[in-house]
Amino acid sequence: QKLGLSSGDQQAVMEAQTDAVTTVSLPTYGSYRVIAH
């Protein structure tokens, strides 16, 4: 199932760096390793 992101989660997601893996903390879902292309 697809679950939507809250505004706080979206704000944290947009901090992801392009072509680099970083760790962000989503208020709703916890810690994630993210990367942007």
PDB file of all heavy atoms in Angstrom:
ATOM      1  N   GLN A   1       0.848  -1.195   0.000  1.00  0.00           N
ATOM      2  CA  GLN A   1       0.000   0.000   0.000  1.00  0.00           C
ATOM      3  C   GLN A   1       0.881   1.242   0.000  1.00  0.00           C
ATOM      4  O   GLN A   1       1.942   1.279   0.636  1.00  0.00           O
ATOM      5  CB  GLN A   1      -0.925  -0.003   1.220  1.00  0.00           C
ATOM      6  CG  GLN A   1      -1.865  -1.189   1.271  1.00  0.00           C
ATOM      7  CD  GLN A   1      -2.647  -1.249   2.572  1.00  0.00           C
ATOM      8  OE1 GLN A   1      -2.277  -0.598   3.551  1.00  0.00           O
ATOM      9  NE2 GLN A   1      -3.747  -2.019   2.574  1.00  0.00           N
ATOM     10  N   LYS A   2       0.379   2.254  -0.701  1.00  0.00           N
ATOM     11  CA  LYS A   2       1.102   3.516  -0.772  1.00  0.00           C
ATOM     12  C   LYS A   2       0.564   4.458   0.302  1.00  0.00           C
ATOM     13  O   LYS A   2      -0.634   4.757   0.323  1.00  0.00           O
ATOM     14  CB  LYS A   2       0.957   4.145  -2.153  1.00  0.00           C
ATOM     15  CG  LYS A   2       1.586   3.336  -3.272  1.00  0.00           C
ATOM     16  CD  LYS A   2       1.430   4.031  -4.605  1.00  0.00           C
ATOM     17  CE  LYS A   2       2.070   3.230  -5.723  1.00  0.00           C
ATOM     18  NZ  LYS A   2       1.932   3.897  -7.066  1.00  0.00           N
ATOM     19  N   LEU A   3       1.445   4.932   1.163  1.00  0.00           N
ATOM     20  CA  LEU A   3       1.084   5.844   2.253  1.00  0.00           C
ATOM     21  C   LEU A   3       1.695   7.201   1.969  1.00  0.00           C
ATOM     22  O   LEU A   3       2.883   7.310   1.612  1.00  0.00           O
ATOM     23  CB  LEU A   3       1.575   5.309   3.598  1.00  0.00           C
ATOM     24  CG  LEU A   3       1.121   3.878   3.962  1.00  0.00           C
ATOM     25  CD1 LEU A   3       1.727   3.444   5.284  1.00  0.00           C
ATOM     26  CD2 LEU A   3      -0.405   3.795   4.016  1.00  0.00           C
ATOM     27  N   GLY A   4       0.916   8.257   2.105  1.00  0.00           N
ATOM     28  CA  GLY A   4       1.398   9.584   1.787  1.00  0.00           C
ATOM     29  C   GLY A   4       2.338  10.141   2.851  1.00  0.00           C
ATOM     30  O   GLY A   4       2.398   9.673   3.997  1.00  0.00           O
ATOM     31  N   LEU A   5       3.099  11.145   2.454  1.00  0.00           N
ATOM     32  CA  LEU A   5       4.045  11.806   3.363  1.00  0.00           C
ATOM     33  C   LEU A   5       3.402  13.059   3.932  1.00  0.00           C
ATOM     34  O   LEU A   5       2.708  13.803   3.222  1.00  0.00           O
ATOM     35  CB  LEU A   5       5.326  12.178   2.610  1.00  0.00           C
ATOM     36  CG  LEU A   5       6.138  11.029   2.003  1.00  0.00           C
ATOM     37  CD1 LEU A   5       7.342  11.594   1.260  1.00  0.00           C
ATOM     38  CD2 LEU A   5       6.564  10.036   3.065  1.00  0.00           C
ATOM     39  N   SER A   6       3.642  13.286   5.156  1.00  0.00           N
ATOM     40  CA  SER A   6       3.162  14.513   5.773  1.00  0.00           C
ATOM     41  C   SER A   6       4.028  15.681   5.331  1.00  0.00           C
ATOM     42  O   SER A   6       5.082  15.499   4.703  1.00  0.00           O
ATOM     43  CB  SER A   6       3.189  14.377   7.300  1.00  0.00           C
ATOM     44  OG  SER A   6       4.534  14.262   7.753  1.00  0.00           O
ATOM     45  N   SER A   7       3.581  16.889   5.681  1.00  0.00           N
ATOM     46  CA  SER A   7       4.363  18.074   5.290  1.00  0.00           C
ATOM     47  C   SER A   7       5.746  18.049   5.924  1.00  0.00           C
ATOM     48  O   SER A   7       6.740  18.438   5.306  1.00  0.00           O
ATOM     49  CB  SER A   7       3.612  19.340   5.707  1.00  0.00           C
ATOM     50  OG  SER A   7       3.391  19.348   7.119  1.00  0.00           O
ATOM     51  N   GLY A   8       5.827  17.577   7.191  1.00  0.00           N
ATOM     52  CA  GLY A   8       7.136  17.479   7.837  1.00  0.00           C
ATOM     53  C   GLY A   8       8.010  16.466   7.149  1.00  0.00           C
ATOM     54  O   GLY A   8       9.223  16.673   6.984  1.00  0.00           O
ATOM     55  N   ASP A   9       7.396  15.326   6.725  1.00  0.00           N
ATOM     56  CA  ASP A   9       8.171  14.313   6.017  1.00  0.00           C
ATOM     57  C   ASP A   9       8.667  14.860   4.682  1.00  0.00           C
ATOM     58  O   ASP A   9       9.821  14.636   4.284  1.00  0.00           O
ATOM     59  CB  ASP A   9       7.304  13.070   5.781  1.00  0.00           C
ATOM     60  CG  ASP A   9       6.892  12.404   7.081  1.00  0.00           C
ATOM     61  OD1 ASP A   9       7.616  12.601   8.088  1.00  0.00           O
ATOM     62  OD2 ASP A   9       5.860  11.705   7.105  1.00  0.00           O
ATOM     63  N   GLN A  10       7.801  15.591   3.959  1.00  0.00           N
ATOM     64  CA  GLN A  10       8.194  16.148   2.667  1.00  0.00           C
ATOM     65  C   GLN A  10       9.341  17.151   2.822  1.00  0.00           C
ATOM     66  O   GLN A  10      10.262  17.188   2.003  1.00  0.00           O
ATOM     67  CB  GLN A  10       6.983  16.811   2.001  1.00  0.00           C
ATOM     68  CG  GLN A  10       5.861  15.846   1.643  1.00  0.00           C
ATOM     69  CD  GLN A  10       4.685  16.553   1.006  1.00  0.00           C
ATOM     70  OE1 GLN A  10       4.801  17.692   0.511  1.00  0.00           O
ATOM     71  NE2 GLN A  10       3.512  15.893   0.986  1.00  0.00           N
ATOM     72  N   GLN A  11       9.273  17.968   3.887  1.00  0.00           N
ATOM     73  CA  GLN A  11      10.336  18.943   4.118  1.00  0.00           C
ATOM     74  C   GLN A  11      11.674  18.243   4.348  1.00  0.00           C
ATOM     75  O   GLN A  11      12.726  18.681   3.855  1.00  0.00           O
ATOM     76  CB  GLN A  11       9.976  19.823   5.326  1.00  0.00           C
ATOM     77  CG  GLN A  11      10.807  21.081   5.447  1.00  0.00           C
ATOM     78  CD  GLN A  11      10.475  22.089   4.337  1.00  0.00           C
ATOM     79  OE1 GLN A  11       9.359  22.100   3.798  1.00  0.00           O
ATOM     80  NE2 GLN A  11      11.454  22.920   3.986  1.00  0.00           N
ATOM     81  N   ALA A  12      11.652  17.112   5.109  1.00  0.00           N
ATOM     82  CA  ALA A  12      12.880  16.366   5.366  1.00  0.00           C
ATOM     83  C   ALA A  12      13.382  15.682   4.108  1.00  0.00           C
ATOM     84  O   ALA A  12      14.602  15.616   3.862  1.00  0.00           O
ATOM     85  CB  ALA A  12      12.629  15.337   6.463  1.00  0.00           C
ATOM     86  N   VAL A  13      12.450  15.199   3.271  1.00  0.00           N
ATOM     87  CA  VAL A  13      12.847  14.487   2.052  1.00  0.00           C
ATOM     88  C   VAL A  13      13.548  15.424   1.082  1.00  0.00           C
ATOM     89  O   VAL A  13      14.520  15.045   0.412  1.00  0.00           O
ATOM     90  CB  VAL A  13      11.611  13.823   1.413  1.00  0.00           C
ATOM     91  CG1 VAL A  13      11.929  13.369  -0.020  1.00  0.00           C
ATOM     92  CG2 VAL A  13      11.156  12.651   2.245  1.00  0.00           C
ATOM     93  N   MET A  14      13.101  16.659   0.978  1.00  0.00           N
ATOM     94  CA  MET A  14      13.704  17.593   0.026  1.00  0.00           C
ATOM     95  C   MET A  14      15.131  17.970   0.403  1.00  0.00           C
ATOM     96  O   MET A  14      15.834  18.613  -0.378  1.00  0.00           O
ATOM     97  CB  MET A  14      12.826  18.853  -0.082  1.00  0.00           C
ATOM     98  CG  MET A  14      11.529  18.600  -0.849  1.00  0.00           C
ATOM     99  SD  MET A  14      10.609  20.132  -1.220  1.00  0.00           S
ATOM    100  CE  MET A  14      10.169  20.668   0.416  1.00  0.00           C
ATOM    101  N   GLU A  15      15.594  17.583   1.616  1.00  0.00           N
ATOM    102  CA  GLU A  15      16.980  17.848   2.003  1.00  0.00           C
ATOM    103  C   GLU A  15      17.933  16.805   1.439  1.00  0.00           C
ATOM    104  O   GLU A  15      19.141  16.894   1.652  1.00  0.00           O
ATOM    105  CB  GLU A  15      17.099  17.878   3.531  1.00  0.00           C
ATOM    106  CG  GLU A  15      16.312  19.013   4.178  1.00  0.00           C
ATOM    107  CD  GLU A  15      16.406  18.973   5.689  1.00  0.00           C
ATOM    108  OE1 GLU A  15      17.074  18.050   6.206  1.00  0.00           O
ATOM    109  OE2 GLU A  15      15.823  19.861   6.352  1.00  0.00           O
ATOM    110  N   ALA A  16      17.404  15.820   0.720  1.00  0.00           N
ATOM    111  CA  ALA A  16      18.266  14.778   0.153  1.00  0.00           C
ATOM    112  C   ALA A  16      19.211  15.373  -0.871  1.00  0.00           C
ATOM    113  O   ALA A  16      18.859  16.289  -1.622  1.00  0.00           O
ATOM    114  CB  ALA A  16      17.411  13.682  -0.486  1.00  0.00           C
ATOM    115  N   GLN A  17      20.433  14.854  -0.921  1.00  0.00           N
ATOM    116  CA  GLN A  17      21.453  15.356  -1.841  1.00  0.00           C
ATOM    117  C   GLN A  17      21.439  14.532  -3.118  1.00  0.00           C
ATOM    118  O   GLN A  17      21.163  13.325  -3.118  1.00  0.00           O
ATOM    119  CB  GLN A  17      22.841  15.279  -1.189  1.00  0.00           C
ATOM    120  CG  GLN A  17      22.976  16.143   0.058  1.00  0.00           C
ATOM    121  CD  GLN A  17      24.368  16.045   0.663  1.00  0.00           C
ATOM    122  OE1 GLN A  17      25.271  15.493   0.045  1.00  0.00           O
ATOM    123  NE2 GLN A  17      24.520  16.618   1.843  1.00  0.00           N
ATOM    124  N   THR A  18      21.782  15.209  -4.212  1.00  0.00           N
ATOM    125  CA  THR A  18      21.784  14.561  -5.513  1.00  0.00           C
ATOM    126  C   THR A  18      23.006  13.675  -5.643  1.00  0.00           C
ATOM    127  O   THR A  18      24.147  14.097  -5.355  1.00  0.00           O
ATOM    128  CB  THR A  18      21.757  15.605  -6.635  1.00  0.00           C
ATOM    129  OG1 THR A  18      20.598  16.442  -6.466  1.00  0.00           O
ATOM    130  CG2 THR A  18      21.719  14.948  -8.017  1.00  0.00           C
ATOM    131  N   ASP A  19      22.753  12.422  -6.045  1.00  0.00           N
ATOM    132  CA  ASP A  19      23.816  11.428  -6.288  1.00  0.00           C
ATOM    133  C   ASP A  19      24.670  11.147  -5.046  1.00  0.00           C
ATOM    134  O   ASP A  19      25.841  10.759  -5.160  1.00  0.00           O
ATOM    135  CB  ASP A  19      24.716  11.877  -7.437  1.00  0.00           C
ATOM    136  CG  ASP A  19      23.965  12.001  -8.754  1.00  0.00           C
ATOM    137  OD1 ASP A  19      22.973  11.255  -8.927  1.00  0.00           O
ATOM    138  OD2 ASP A  19      24.355  12.848  -9.578  1.00  0.00           O
ATOM    139  N   ALA A  20      24.099  11.350  -3.877  1.00  0.00           N
ATOM    140  CA  ALA A  20      24.823  11.064  -2.629  1.00  0.00           C
ATOM    141  C   ALA A  20      23.832  10.510  -1.608  1.00  0.00           C
ATOM    142  O   ALA A  20      22.723  11.027  -1.466  1.00  0.00           O
ATOM    143  CB  ALA A  20      25.502  12.313  -2.078  1.00  0.00           C
ATOM    144  N   VAL A  21      24.241   9.434  -0.941  1.00  0.00           N
ATOM    145  CA  VAL A  21      23.372   8.794   0.052  1.00  0.00           C
ATOM    146  C   VAL A  21      23.536   9.512   1.381  1.00  0.00           C
ATOM    147  O   VAL A  21      24.662   9.685   1.876  1.00  0.00           O
ATOM    148  CB  VAL A  21      23.701   7.304   0.210  1.00  0.00           C
ATOM    149  CG1 VAL A  21      22.796   6.668   1.249  1.00  0.00           C
ATOM    150  CG2 VAL A  21      23.562   6.597  -1.144  1.00  0.00           C
ATOM    151  N   THR A  22      22.441   9.932   1.946  1.00  0.00           N
ATOM    152  CA  THR A  22      22.446  10.572   3.273  1.00  0.00           C
ATOM    153  C   THR A  22      21.343   9.969   4.124  1.00  0.00           C
ATOM    154  O   THR A  22      20.485   9.215   3.625  1.00  0.00           O
ATOM    155  CB  THR A  22      22.228  12.089   3.137  1.00  0.00           C
ATOM    156  OG1 THR A  22      20.993  12.328   2.464  1.00  0.00           O
ATOM    157  CG2 THR A  22      23.375  12.751   2.381  1.00  0.00           C
ATOM    158  N   THR A  23      21.361  10.329   5.374  1.00  0.00           N
ATOM    159  CA  THR A  23      20.345   9.842   6.312  1.00  0.00           C
ATOM    160  C   THR A  23      19.468  11.002   6.718  1.00  0.00           C
ATOM    161  O   THR A  23      19.968  12.065   7.120  1.00  0.00           O
ATOM    162  CB  THR A  23      21.004   9.227   7.562  1.00  0.00           C
ATOM    163  OG1 THR A  23      21.834   8.149   7.168  1.00  0.00           O
ATOM    164  CG2 THR A  23      19.952   8.725   8.535  1.00  0.00           C
ATOM    165  N   VAL A  24      18.177  10.802   6.612  1.00  0.00           N
ATOM    166  CA  VAL A  24      17.217  11.818   7.046  1.00  0.00           C
ATOM    167  C   VAL A  24      16.247  11.143   8.007  1.00  0.00           C
ATOM    168  O   VAL A  24      16.051   9.911   7.976  1.00  0.00           O
ATOM    169  CB  VAL A  24      16.461  12.434   5.853  1.00  0.00           C
ATOM    170  CG1 VAL A  24      17.400  13.168   4.928  1.00  0.00           C
ATOM    171  CG2 VAL A  24      15.659  11.375   5.104  1.00  0.00           C
ATOM    172  N   SER A  25      15.651  11.966   8.840  1.00  0.00           N
ATOM    173  CA  SER A  25      14.687  11.468   9.820  1.00  0.00           C
ATOM    174  C   SER A  25      13.318  12.011   9.483  1.00  0.00           C
ATOM    175  O   SER A  25      13.098  13.226   9.500  1.00  0.00           O
ATOM    176  CB  SER A  25      15.102  11.891  11.233  1.00  0.00           C
ATOM    177  OG  SER A  25      14.153  11.425  12.176  1.00  0.00           O
ATOM    178  N   LEU A  26      12.417  11.095   9.132  1.00  0.00           N
ATOM    179  CA  LEU A  26      11.050  11.478   8.824  1.00  0.00           C
ATOM    180  C   LEU A  26      10.230  11.428  10.110  1.00  0.00           C
ATOM    181  O   LEU A  26      10.230  10.403  10.809  1.00  0.00           O
ATOM    182  CB  LEU A  26      10.444  10.530   7.785  1.00  0.00           C
ATOM    183  CG  LEU A  26      11.221  10.387   6.464  1.00  0.00           C
ATOM    184  CD1 LEU A  26      10.465   9.494   5.500  1.00  0.00           C
ATOM    185  CD2 LEU A  26      11.484  11.744   5.840  1.00  0.00           C
ATOM    186  N   PRO A  27       9.564  12.531  10.481  1.00  0.00           N
ATOM    187  CA  PRO A  27       8.783  12.542  11.728  1.00  0.00           C
ATOM    188  C   PRO A  27       7.767  11.414  11.819  1.00  0.00           C
ATOM    189  O   PRO A  27       7.496  10.911  12.922  1.00  0.00           O
ATOM    190  CB  PRO A  27       8.106  13.910  11.696  1.00  0.00           C
ATOM    191  CG  PRO A  27       8.969  14.764  10.823  1.00  0.00           C
ATOM    192  CD  PRO A  27       9.510  13.838   9.772  1.00  0.00           C
ATOM    193  N   THR A  28       7.240  10.980  10.689  1.00  0.00           N
ATOM    194  CA  THR A  28       6.187   9.960  10.722  1.00  0.00           C
ATOM    195  C   THR A  28       6.752   8.550  10.631  1.00  0.00           C
ATOM    196  O   THR A  28       6.262   7.632  11.302  1.00  0.00           O
ATOM    197  CB  THR A  28       5.201  10.186   9.563  1.00  0.00           C
ATOM    198  OG1 THR A  28       4.690  11.517   9.645  1.00  0.00           O
ATOM    199  CG2 THR A  28       4.044   9.194   9.638  1.00  0.00           C
ATOM    200  N   TYR A  29       7.800   8.344   9.830  1.00  0.00           N
ATOM    201  CA  TYR A  29       8.247   6.994   9.519  1.00  0.00           C
ATOM    202  C   TYR A  29       9.654   6.659  10.043  1.00  0.00           C
ATOM    203  O   TYR A  29      10.133   5.549   9.830  1.00  0.00           O
ATOM    204  CB  TYR A  29       8.216   6.777   7.997  1.00  0.00           C
ATOM    205  CG  TYR A  29       6.843   6.984   7.413  1.00  0.00           C
ATOM    206  CD1 TYR A  29       6.549   8.156   6.718  1.00  0.00           C
ATOM    207  CD2 TYR A  29       5.859   6.023   7.562  1.00  0.00           C
ATOM    208  CE1 TYR A  29       5.274   8.357   6.181  1.00  0.00           C
ATOM    209  CE2 TYR A  29       4.586   6.229   7.032  1.00  0.00           C
ATOM    210  CZ  TYR A  29       4.290   7.399   6.356  1.00  0.00           C
ATOM    211  OH  TYR A  29       3.042   7.590   5.848  1.00  0.00           O
ATOM    212  N   GLY A  30      10.325   7.591  10.698  1.00  0.00           N
ATOM    213  CA  GLY A  30      11.626   7.287  11.269  1.00  0.00           C
ATOM    214  C   GLY A  30      12.768   7.597  10.326  1.00  0.00           C
ATOM    215  O   GLY A  30      12.650   8.406   9.394  1.00  0.00           O
ATOM    216  N   SER A  31      13.914   6.912  10.559  1.00  0.00           N
ATOM    217  CA  SER A  31      15.148   7.188   9.816  1.00  0.00           C
ATOM    218  C   SER A  31      15.127   6.486   8.460  1.00  0.00           C
ATOM    219  O   SER A  31      14.710   5.315   8.362  1.00  0.00           O
ATOM    220  CB  SER A  31      16.373   6.737  10.620  1.00  0.00           C
ATOM    221  OG  SER A  31      16.473   7.477  11.816  1.00  0.00           O
ATOM    222  N   TYR A  32      15.637   7.207   7.457  1.00  0.00           N
ATOM    223  CA  TYR A  32      15.718   6.678   6.086  1.00  0.00           C
ATOM    224  C   TYR A  32      17.070   7.057   5.521  1.00  0.00           C
ATOM    225  O   TYR A  32      17.627   8.120   5.801  1.00  0.00           O
ATOM    226  CB  TYR A  32      14.618   7.267   5.195  1.00  0.00           C
ATOM    227  CG  TYR A  32      13.319   6.494   5.231  1.00  0.00           C
ATOM    228  CD1 TYR A  32      12.478   6.571   6.333  1.00  0.00           C
ATOM    229  CD2 TYR A  32      12.948   5.705   4.152  1.00  0.00           C
ATOM    230  CE1 TYR A  32      11.290   5.866   6.364  1.00  0.00           C
ATOM    231  CE2 TYR A  32      11.755   4.992   4.176  1.00  0.00           C
ATOM    232  CZ  TYR A  32      10.927   5.071   5.278  1.00  0.00           C
ATOM    233  OH  TYR A  32       9.748   4.365   5.302  1.00  0.00           O
ATOM    234  N   ARG A  33      17.568   6.129   4.688  1.00  0.00           N
ATOM    235  CA  ARG A  33      18.720   6.447   3.847  1.00  0.00           C
ATOM    236  C   ARG A  33      18.161   6.881   2.493  1.00  0.00           C
ATOM    237  O   ARG A  33      17.379   6.134   1.845  1.00  0.00           O
ATOM    238  CB  ARG A  33      19.625   5.229   3.674  1.00  0.00           C
ATOM    239  CG  ARG A  33      20.274   4.769   4.953  1.00  0.00           C
ATOM    240  CD  ARG A  33      21.398   5.688   5.381  1.00  0.00           C
ATOM    241  NE  ARG A  33      22.595   5.493   4.577  1.00  0.00           N
ATOM    242  CZ  ARG A  33      23.694   6.208   4.723  1.00  0.00           C
ATOM    243  NH1 ARG A  33      23.725   7.203   5.632  1.00  0.00           N
ATOM    244  NH2 ARG A  33      24.752   5.972   3.970  1.00  0.00           N
ATOM    245  N   VAL A  34      18.493   8.075   2.034  1.00  0.00           N
ATOM    246  CA  VAL A  34      17.892   8.641   0.818  1.00  0.00           C
ATOM    247  C   VAL A  34      18.974   9.053  -0.166  1.00  0.00           C
ATOM    248  O   VAL A  34      20.116   9.356   0.209  1.00  0.00           O
ATOM    249  CB  VAL A  34      16.997   9.860   1.156  1.00  0.00           C
ATOM    250  CG1 VAL A  34      15.824   9.450   2.029  1.00  0.00           C
ATOM    251  CG2 VAL A  34      17.809  10.968   1.816  1.00  0.00           C
ATOM    252  N   ILE A  35      18.578   9.094  -1.474  1.00  0.00           N
ATOM    253  CA  ILE A  35      19.439   9.557  -2.557  1.00  0.00           C
ATOM    254  C   ILE A  35      18.545  10.181  -3.637  1.00  0.00           C
ATOM    255  O   ILE A  35      17.400   9.764  -3.822  1.00  0.00           O
ATOM    256  CB  ILE A  35      20.289   8.408  -3.159  1.00  0.00           C
ATOM    257  CG1 ILE A  35      21.312   8.959  -4.145  1.00  0.00           C
ATOM    258  CG2 ILE A  35      19.410   7.350  -3.789  1.00  0.00           C
ATOM    259  CD1 ILE A  35      22.305   7.897  -4.627  1.00  0.00           C
ATOM    260  N   ALA A  36      19.033  11.192  -4.295  1.00  0.00           N
ATOM    261  CA  ALA A  36      18.265  11.891  -5.339  1.00  0.00           C
ATOM    262  C   ALA A  36      19.002  11.810  -6.676  1.00  0.00           C
ATOM    263  O   ALA A  36      20.248  11.887  -6.723  1.00  0.00           O
ATOM    264  CB  ALA A  36      18.030  13.339  -4.945  1.00  0.00           C
ATOM    265  N   HIS A  37      18.262  11.609  -7.755  1.00  0.00           N
ATOM    266  CA  HIS A  37      18.814  11.622  -9.109  1.00  0.00           C
ATOM    267  C   HIS A  37      18.079  12.692  -9.918  1.00  0.00           C
ATOM    268  O   HIS A  37      16.853  12.828  -9.823  1.00  0.00           O
ATOM    269  CB  HIS A  37      18.637  10.259  -9.785  1.00  0.00           C
ATOM    270  CG  HIS A  37      19.562   9.215  -9.262  1.00  0.00           C
ATOM    271  ND1 HIS A  37      20.924   9.307  -9.331  1.00  0.00           N
ATOM    272  CD2 HIS A  37      19.300   8.020  -8.628  1.00  0.00           C
ATOM    273  CE1 HIS A  37      21.478   8.248  -8.797  1.00  0.00           C
ATOM    274  NE2 HIS A  37      20.493   7.443  -8.348  1.00  0.00           N
TER     275      HIS A  37
END
